[in-house]
N, C-alpha and C. Protein backbone atom coordinates (compact mmCIF):
# COMPACT_ATOMS: atom_id res chain seq x y z
N MET A 1 -9.92 11.31 21.02
CA MET A 1 -9.70 11.21 22.45
C MET A 1 -9.42 12.60 23.04
N ASN A 2 -10.46 13.38 23.17
CA ASN A 2 -10.36 14.73 23.73
C ASN A 2 -9.38 15.61 22.97
N ASN A 3 -9.43 15.54 21.65
CA ASN A 3 -8.50 16.31 20.84
C ASN A 3 -9.22 16.77 19.57
N LEU A 4 -9.25 18.06 19.35
CA LEU A 4 -9.90 18.59 18.15
C LEU A 4 -8.97 18.57 16.94
N ASN A 5 -7.70 18.28 17.16
CA ASN A 5 -6.72 18.18 16.07
C ASN A 5 -5.92 16.89 16.21
N PRO A 6 -6.59 15.76 16.04
CA PRO A 6 -5.89 14.48 16.25
C PRO A 6 -4.84 14.20 15.18
N ALA A 7 -3.81 13.50 15.59
CA ALA A 7 -2.81 12.97 14.66
C ALA A 7 -2.88 11.46 14.79
N TRP A 8 -3.42 10.82 13.79
CA TRP A 8 -3.61 9.38 13.85
C TRP A 8 -2.31 8.63 13.62
N LYS A 9 -2.24 7.45 14.20
CA LYS A 9 -1.06 6.60 13.99
C LYS A 9 -1.06 6.14 12.53
N SER A 10 0.15 5.98 12.01
CA SER A 10 0.25 5.49 10.63
C SER A 10 -0.12 4.01 10.61
N PHE A 11 -0.53 3.55 9.46
CA PHE A 11 -0.90 2.15 9.30
C PHE A 11 -0.55 1.72 7.89
N LYS A 12 -0.49 0.42 7.70
CA LYS A 12 -0.19 -0.13 6.38
C LYS A 12 -1.39 -0.93 5.89
N VAL A 13 -1.66 -0.76 4.62
CA VAL A 13 -2.71 -1.54 3.96
C VAL A 13 -2.27 -1.74 2.52
N SER A 14 -2.47 -2.93 2.00
CA SER A 14 -2.06 -3.18 0.63
C SER A 14 -3.03 -2.51 -0.35
N VAL A 15 -2.51 -2.12 -1.50
CA VAL A 15 -3.34 -1.51 -2.53
C VAL A 15 -4.41 -2.51 -2.96
N ASN A 16 -4.06 -3.78 -2.95
CA ASN A 16 -5.03 -4.80 -3.33
C ASN A 16 -6.19 -4.85 -2.34
N SER A 17 -5.89 -4.77 -1.04
CA SER A 17 -6.95 -4.78 -0.03
C SER A 17 -7.75 -3.48 -0.05
N LEU A 18 -7.08 -2.39 -0.28
CA LEU A 18 -7.72 -1.07 -0.25
C LEU A 18 -8.68 -0.87 -1.41
N CYS A 19 -8.23 -1.19 -2.61
CA CYS A 19 -9.05 -0.87 -3.80
C CYS A 19 -8.95 -1.93 -4.89
N SER A 20 -8.62 -3.14 -4.51
CA SER A 20 -8.48 -4.25 -5.47
C SER A 20 -7.49 -3.92 -6.58
N GLY A 21 -6.48 -3.11 -6.25
CA GLY A 21 -5.46 -2.75 -7.23
C GLY A 21 -5.90 -1.69 -8.23
N ASP A 22 -7.14 -1.22 -8.14
CA ASP A 22 -7.67 -0.21 -9.07
C ASP A 22 -7.47 1.17 -8.45
N GLU A 23 -6.46 1.90 -8.88
CA GLU A 23 -6.12 3.20 -8.30
C GLU A 23 -7.17 4.26 -8.56
N ASP A 24 -8.09 4.01 -9.50
CA ASP A 24 -9.15 4.98 -9.81
C ASP A 24 -10.47 4.63 -9.12
N ARG A 25 -10.48 3.56 -8.36
CA ARG A 25 -11.70 3.16 -7.66
C ARG A 25 -12.02 4.16 -6.55
N ARG A 26 -13.26 4.60 -6.48
CA ARG A 26 -13.68 5.58 -5.47
C ARG A 26 -13.77 4.90 -4.11
N LEU A 27 -13.15 5.52 -3.10
CA LEU A 27 -13.13 5.02 -1.73
C LEU A 27 -13.89 5.99 -0.83
N LYS A 28 -14.62 5.47 0.14
CA LYS A 28 -15.30 6.33 1.11
C LYS A 28 -14.56 6.19 2.44
N VAL A 29 -14.17 7.33 3.00
CA VAL A 29 -13.49 7.37 4.28
C VAL A 29 -14.45 7.98 5.29
N ARG A 30 -14.69 7.26 6.39
CA ARG A 30 -15.60 7.72 7.44
C ARG A 30 -14.77 8.00 8.69
N VAL A 31 -15.03 9.14 9.32
CA VAL A 31 -14.27 9.57 10.49
C VAL A 31 -15.19 9.56 11.71
N TRP A 32 -14.70 8.94 12.80
CA TRP A 32 -15.47 8.81 14.04
C TRP A 32 -14.68 9.38 15.20
N ASP A 33 -15.39 9.93 16.17
CA ASP A 33 -14.81 10.37 17.43
C ASP A 33 -14.94 9.20 18.41
N TRP A 34 -13.82 8.71 18.88
CA TRP A 34 -13.79 7.56 19.78
C TRP A 34 -14.21 7.97 21.19
N ASP A 35 -15.09 7.19 21.77
CA ASP A 35 -15.50 7.40 23.16
C ASP A 35 -15.25 6.11 23.93
N SER A 36 -14.72 6.25 25.16
CA SER A 36 -14.37 5.07 25.96
C SER A 36 -15.59 4.23 26.32
N ASN A 37 -16.78 4.84 26.32
CA ASN A 37 -17.99 4.07 26.64
C ASN A 37 -18.51 3.27 25.44
N GLY A 38 -17.84 3.38 24.30
CA GLY A 38 -18.24 2.63 23.12
C GLY A 38 -19.26 3.32 22.23
N LYS A 39 -19.76 4.48 22.68
CA LYS A 39 -20.74 5.23 21.88
C LYS A 39 -19.99 6.26 21.04
N HIS A 40 -19.31 5.78 20.01
CA HIS A 40 -18.50 6.64 19.16
C HIS A 40 -19.39 7.55 18.32
N ASP A 41 -18.93 8.77 18.10
CA ASP A 41 -19.72 9.77 17.37
C ASP A 41 -19.21 9.89 15.93
N PHE A 42 -20.16 9.84 15.00
CA PHE A 42 -19.81 10.01 13.59
C PHE A 42 -19.49 11.48 13.34
N ILE A 43 -18.28 11.74 12.84
CA ILE A 43 -17.86 13.11 12.56
C ILE A 43 -18.24 13.51 11.14
N GLY A 44 -17.88 12.65 10.20
CA GLY A 44 -18.16 12.96 8.81
C GLY A 44 -17.45 12.00 7.89
N GLU A 45 -17.51 12.31 6.60
CA GLU A 45 -16.93 11.42 5.59
C GLU A 45 -16.49 12.20 4.38
N PHE A 46 -15.69 11.56 3.56
CA PHE A 46 -15.29 12.11 2.27
C PHE A 46 -14.95 10.95 1.37
N SER A 47 -14.86 11.21 0.09
CA SER A 47 -14.47 10.15 -0.83
C SER A 47 -13.28 10.61 -1.67
N SER A 48 -12.53 9.63 -2.11
CA SER A 48 -11.33 9.90 -2.89
C SER A 48 -10.94 8.61 -3.62
N THR A 49 -9.97 8.71 -4.47
CA THR A 49 -9.39 7.52 -5.07
C THR A 49 -7.98 7.37 -4.53
N PHE A 50 -7.42 6.19 -4.66
CA PHE A 50 -6.04 5.98 -4.21
C PHE A 50 -5.10 6.92 -4.96
N LYS A 51 -5.35 7.09 -6.24
CA LYS A 51 -4.50 7.95 -7.07
C LYS A 51 -4.52 9.40 -6.58
N GLU A 52 -5.66 9.84 -6.03
CA GLU A 52 -5.79 11.22 -5.54
C GLU A 52 -5.16 11.42 -4.16
N MET A 53 -4.79 10.35 -3.49
CA MET A 53 -4.34 10.44 -2.10
C MET A 53 -2.87 10.77 -1.95
N ARG A 54 -2.43 11.81 -2.58
CA ARG A 54 -1.03 12.23 -2.43
C ARG A 54 -0.99 13.74 -2.21
N GLY A 55 -0.68 14.14 -0.98
CA GLY A 55 -0.56 15.56 -0.67
C GLY A 55 -1.85 16.33 -0.79
N VAL A 56 -2.93 15.72 -0.38
CA VAL A 56 -4.25 16.34 -0.55
C VAL A 56 -4.92 16.48 0.82
N GLN A 57 -5.93 17.33 0.89
CA GLN A 57 -6.76 17.41 2.08
C GLN A 57 -8.22 17.37 1.66
N TRP A 58 -9.06 16.90 2.60
CA TRP A 58 -10.48 16.74 2.30
C TRP A 58 -11.32 17.37 3.39
N GLU A 59 -12.45 17.95 2.98
CA GLU A 59 -13.43 18.40 3.96
C GLU A 59 -14.19 17.17 4.45
N CYS A 60 -14.29 17.05 5.75
CA CYS A 60 -15.00 15.94 6.36
C CYS A 60 -16.45 16.41 6.57
N ILE A 61 -17.37 15.83 5.82
CA ILE A 61 -18.75 16.29 5.80
C ILE A 61 -19.66 15.29 6.51
N ASN A 62 -20.50 15.79 7.41
CA ASN A 62 -21.53 14.97 8.03
C ASN A 62 -22.84 15.30 7.31
N PRO A 63 -23.37 14.37 6.52
CA PRO A 63 -24.58 14.64 5.72
C PRO A 63 -25.78 15.10 6.54
N LYS A 64 -25.92 14.58 7.78
CA LYS A 64 -27.05 15.00 8.63
C LYS A 64 -26.94 16.48 8.99
N TYR A 65 -25.73 16.90 9.36
CA TYR A 65 -25.53 18.31 9.71
C TYR A 65 -25.74 19.21 8.49
N LYS A 66 -25.27 18.74 7.37
CA LYS A 66 -25.39 19.53 6.13
C LYS A 66 -26.86 19.73 5.76
N ALA A 67 -27.67 18.68 5.98
CA ALA A 67 -29.10 18.77 5.65
C ALA A 67 -29.85 19.68 6.64
N LYS A 68 -29.41 19.72 7.91
CA LYS A 68 -30.11 20.49 8.94
C LYS A 68 -29.72 21.96 8.97
N LYS A 69 -28.44 22.24 8.79
CA LYS A 69 -27.93 23.61 8.97
C LYS A 69 -27.44 24.20 7.65
N LYS A 70 -28.01 25.33 7.27
CA LYS A 70 -27.58 25.98 6.03
C LYS A 70 -26.17 26.54 6.15
N SER A 71 -25.78 26.93 7.36
CA SER A 71 -24.45 27.53 7.57
C SER A 71 -23.34 26.49 7.72
N TYR A 72 -23.69 25.21 7.78
CA TYR A 72 -22.70 24.15 7.97
C TYR A 72 -21.79 24.03 6.75
N LYS A 73 -20.49 24.06 6.99
CA LYS A 73 -19.52 23.88 5.91
C LYS A 73 -18.90 22.50 5.97
N ASN A 74 -18.34 22.16 7.15
CA ASN A 74 -17.72 20.85 7.33
C ASN A 74 -17.49 20.61 8.82
N SER A 75 -17.10 19.40 9.15
CA SER A 75 -16.79 19.06 10.54
C SER A 75 -15.29 19.09 10.78
N GLY A 76 -14.55 19.53 9.81
CA GLY A 76 -13.11 19.60 9.92
C GLY A 76 -12.44 19.21 8.61
N ILE A 77 -11.15 19.29 8.62
CA ILE A 77 -10.35 18.97 7.43
C ILE A 77 -9.47 17.76 7.75
N VAL A 78 -9.43 16.81 6.85
CA VAL A 78 -8.54 15.66 7.00
C VAL A 78 -7.37 15.88 6.05
N ILE A 79 -6.17 15.84 6.60
CA ILE A 79 -4.95 16.06 5.81
C ILE A 79 -4.12 14.80 5.83
N LEU A 80 -3.77 14.33 4.67
CA LEU A 80 -2.90 13.16 4.56
C LEU A 80 -1.46 13.67 4.47
N ASN A 81 -0.70 13.43 5.52
CA ASN A 81 0.68 13.92 5.57
C ASN A 81 1.63 13.08 4.74
N GLN A 82 1.39 11.78 4.69
CA GLN A 82 2.34 10.91 4.01
C GLN A 82 1.62 9.69 3.45
N ALA A 83 1.92 9.39 2.22
CA ALA A 83 1.43 8.15 1.60
C ALA A 83 2.62 7.53 0.90
N THR A 84 2.93 6.33 1.28
CA THR A 84 4.08 5.64 0.72
C THR A 84 3.61 4.40 -0.01
N VAL A 85 4.12 4.20 -1.18
CA VAL A 85 3.81 3.01 -1.95
C VAL A 85 5.06 2.15 -2.00
N SER A 86 4.91 0.90 -1.64
CA SER A 86 6.05 -0.01 -1.73
C SER A 86 5.67 -1.18 -2.62
N PHE A 87 6.66 -1.82 -3.15
CA PHE A 87 6.43 -2.90 -4.09
C PHE A 87 6.98 -4.20 -3.53
N LEU A 88 6.33 -5.28 -3.88
CA LEU A 88 6.79 -6.60 -3.49
C LEU A 88 7.29 -7.28 -4.76
N PHE A 89 8.54 -7.66 -4.73
CA PHE A 89 9.11 -8.37 -5.86
C PHE A 89 8.99 -9.86 -5.61
N GLN A 90 8.51 -10.56 -6.60
CA GLN A 90 8.44 -12.00 -6.50
C GLN A 90 9.30 -12.59 -7.60
N VAL A 91 10.10 -13.55 -7.23
CA VAL A 91 11.00 -14.18 -8.17
C VAL A 91 10.71 -15.67 -8.21
N ALA A 92 10.65 -16.21 -9.39
CA ALA A 92 10.45 -17.64 -9.55
C ALA A 92 11.55 -18.18 -10.46
N ILE A 93 12.14 -19.25 -10.04
CA ILE A 93 13.19 -19.88 -10.83
C ILE A 93 12.81 -21.34 -11.04
N ASP A 94 12.90 -21.76 -12.26
CA ASP A 94 12.52 -23.13 -12.62
C ASP A 94 13.69 -24.08 -12.35
N PHE A 95 13.55 -24.85 -11.29
CA PHE A 95 14.59 -25.81 -10.94
C PHE A 95 14.22 -27.23 -11.39
N THR A 96 13.31 -27.35 -12.32
CA THR A 96 12.86 -28.67 -12.73
C THR A 96 13.95 -29.39 -13.52
N ALA A 97 13.85 -30.67 -13.52
CA ALA A 97 14.84 -31.52 -14.20
C ALA A 97 14.80 -31.35 -15.72
N SER A 98 13.74 -30.73 -16.24
CA SER A 98 13.65 -30.55 -17.69
C SER A 98 14.76 -29.66 -18.23
N ASN A 99 15.45 -28.92 -17.36
CA ASN A 99 16.55 -28.07 -17.80
C ASN A 99 17.88 -28.82 -17.87
N GLY A 100 17.85 -30.08 -17.58
CA GLY A 100 19.06 -30.90 -17.75
C GLY A 100 19.72 -31.35 -16.46
N ASP A 101 20.60 -32.29 -16.63
CA ASP A 101 21.35 -32.88 -15.52
C ASP A 101 22.42 -31.91 -15.04
N PRO A 102 22.50 -31.63 -13.73
CA PRO A 102 23.49 -30.67 -13.22
C PRO A 102 24.94 -31.11 -13.44
N ARG A 103 25.15 -32.39 -13.82
CA ARG A 103 26.53 -32.84 -14.10
C ARG A 103 26.93 -32.57 -15.55
N ASN A 104 25.95 -32.20 -16.39
CA ASN A 104 26.20 -31.93 -17.80
C ASN A 104 26.49 -30.43 -17.96
N SER A 105 27.62 -30.07 -18.55
CA SER A 105 28.01 -28.67 -18.69
C SER A 105 27.07 -27.86 -19.58
N CYS A 106 26.21 -28.51 -20.37
CA CYS A 106 25.23 -27.81 -21.22
C CYS A 106 23.96 -27.47 -20.45
N SER A 107 23.81 -28.01 -19.27
CA SER A 107 22.60 -27.79 -18.46
C SER A 107 22.65 -26.45 -17.74
N LEU A 108 21.47 -25.81 -17.61
CA LEU A 108 21.38 -24.58 -16.81
C LEU A 108 21.66 -24.86 -15.33
N HIS A 109 21.50 -26.13 -14.95
CA HIS A 109 21.75 -26.54 -13.57
C HIS A 109 23.22 -26.86 -13.30
N TYR A 110 24.02 -26.86 -14.32
CA TYR A 110 25.41 -27.30 -14.17
C TYR A 110 26.12 -26.54 -13.05
N ILE A 111 26.75 -27.28 -12.18
CA ILE A 111 27.47 -26.70 -11.05
C ILE A 111 28.96 -26.71 -11.39
N HIS A 112 29.41 -25.57 -11.87
CA HIS A 112 30.82 -25.41 -12.24
C HIS A 112 31.61 -25.14 -10.96
N PRO A 113 32.80 -25.71 -10.86
CA PRO A 113 33.56 -25.51 -9.62
C PRO A 113 34.04 -24.07 -9.42
N TYR A 114 34.13 -23.25 -10.49
CA TYR A 114 34.70 -21.91 -10.36
C TYR A 114 33.80 -20.77 -10.86
N GLN A 115 32.66 -21.10 -11.49
CA GLN A 115 31.79 -20.07 -12.04
C GLN A 115 30.35 -20.30 -11.59
N PRO A 116 29.59 -19.22 -11.41
CA PRO A 116 28.18 -19.40 -11.04
C PRO A 116 27.37 -19.88 -12.25
N ASN A 117 26.37 -20.74 -11.98
CA ASN A 117 25.52 -21.19 -13.09
C ASN A 117 24.47 -20.12 -13.39
N GLU A 118 23.64 -20.36 -14.39
CA GLU A 118 22.65 -19.37 -14.84
C GLU A 118 21.64 -19.02 -13.73
N TYR A 119 21.30 -19.98 -12.90
CA TYR A 119 20.36 -19.71 -11.81
C TYR A 119 20.96 -18.75 -10.80
N LEU A 120 22.19 -18.98 -10.41
CA LEU A 120 22.84 -18.10 -9.45
C LEU A 120 23.02 -16.70 -10.04
N LYS A 121 23.36 -16.62 -11.32
CA LYS A 121 23.48 -15.31 -11.97
C LYS A 121 22.15 -14.56 -11.94
N ALA A 122 21.04 -15.28 -12.17
CA ALA A 122 19.71 -14.65 -12.15
C ALA A 122 19.38 -14.16 -10.75
N LEU A 123 19.67 -14.96 -9.73
CA LEU A 123 19.40 -14.53 -8.35
C LEU A 123 20.22 -13.30 -7.97
N VAL A 124 21.48 -13.27 -8.36
CA VAL A 124 22.33 -12.12 -8.07
C VAL A 124 21.79 -10.87 -8.78
N ALA A 125 21.37 -11.02 -10.04
CA ALA A 125 20.84 -9.88 -10.80
C ALA A 125 19.58 -9.32 -10.14
N VAL A 126 18.68 -10.19 -9.71
CA VAL A 126 17.46 -9.74 -9.05
C VAL A 126 17.81 -9.04 -7.74
N GLY A 127 18.74 -9.60 -6.99
CA GLY A 127 19.19 -8.96 -5.75
C GLY A 127 19.75 -7.57 -5.97
N GLU A 128 20.53 -7.41 -7.03
CA GLU A 128 21.10 -6.09 -7.36
C GLU A 128 20.01 -5.10 -7.74
N ILE A 129 19.02 -5.54 -8.48
CA ILE A 129 17.91 -4.67 -8.86
C ILE A 129 17.16 -4.22 -7.61
N CYS A 130 16.91 -5.15 -6.70
CA CYS A 130 16.21 -4.80 -5.46
C CYS A 130 17.03 -3.83 -4.63
N GLN A 131 18.33 -4.02 -4.57
CA GLN A 131 19.20 -3.11 -3.82
C GLN A 131 19.19 -1.73 -4.44
N ASP A 132 19.25 -1.65 -5.77
CA ASP A 132 19.23 -0.35 -6.45
C ASP A 132 17.91 0.36 -6.21
N TYR A 133 16.81 -0.39 -6.23
CA TYR A 133 15.49 0.19 -6.02
C TYR A 133 15.35 0.73 -4.61
N ASP A 134 15.95 0.05 -3.64
CA ASP A 134 15.82 0.41 -2.23
C ASP A 134 16.60 1.67 -1.89
N ARG A 135 17.52 2.10 -2.72
CA ARG A 135 18.36 3.27 -2.41
C ARG A 135 17.67 4.54 -2.69
């Protein structure tokens, strides 16, 4: 938008959506100049892997310009300022009756009046791990 040095808004995309979880999968990034009339101009492209996308810059190459002009080097440099990886923790706890009657003190479901049962202990432990990771 009338800027030769644009700073794009940050966005989130899952690693699974980006590269099917394969950090070595080659990705093609295409850069366009936005025009309000809808006739956007192709600037150039580069390829990289997710694993390579940390503190790197790429030459944005337009293949048509490269084929036409011997002096053409690139259409600009794309710099990735920040890449953040976050993790999603999923916890599953088996609350099925196969673990015993909650009134029986031998059961994992047993509800003791003064102590947490094994399920509550597991939930607390997972919560503590998540809290430690978040710090």
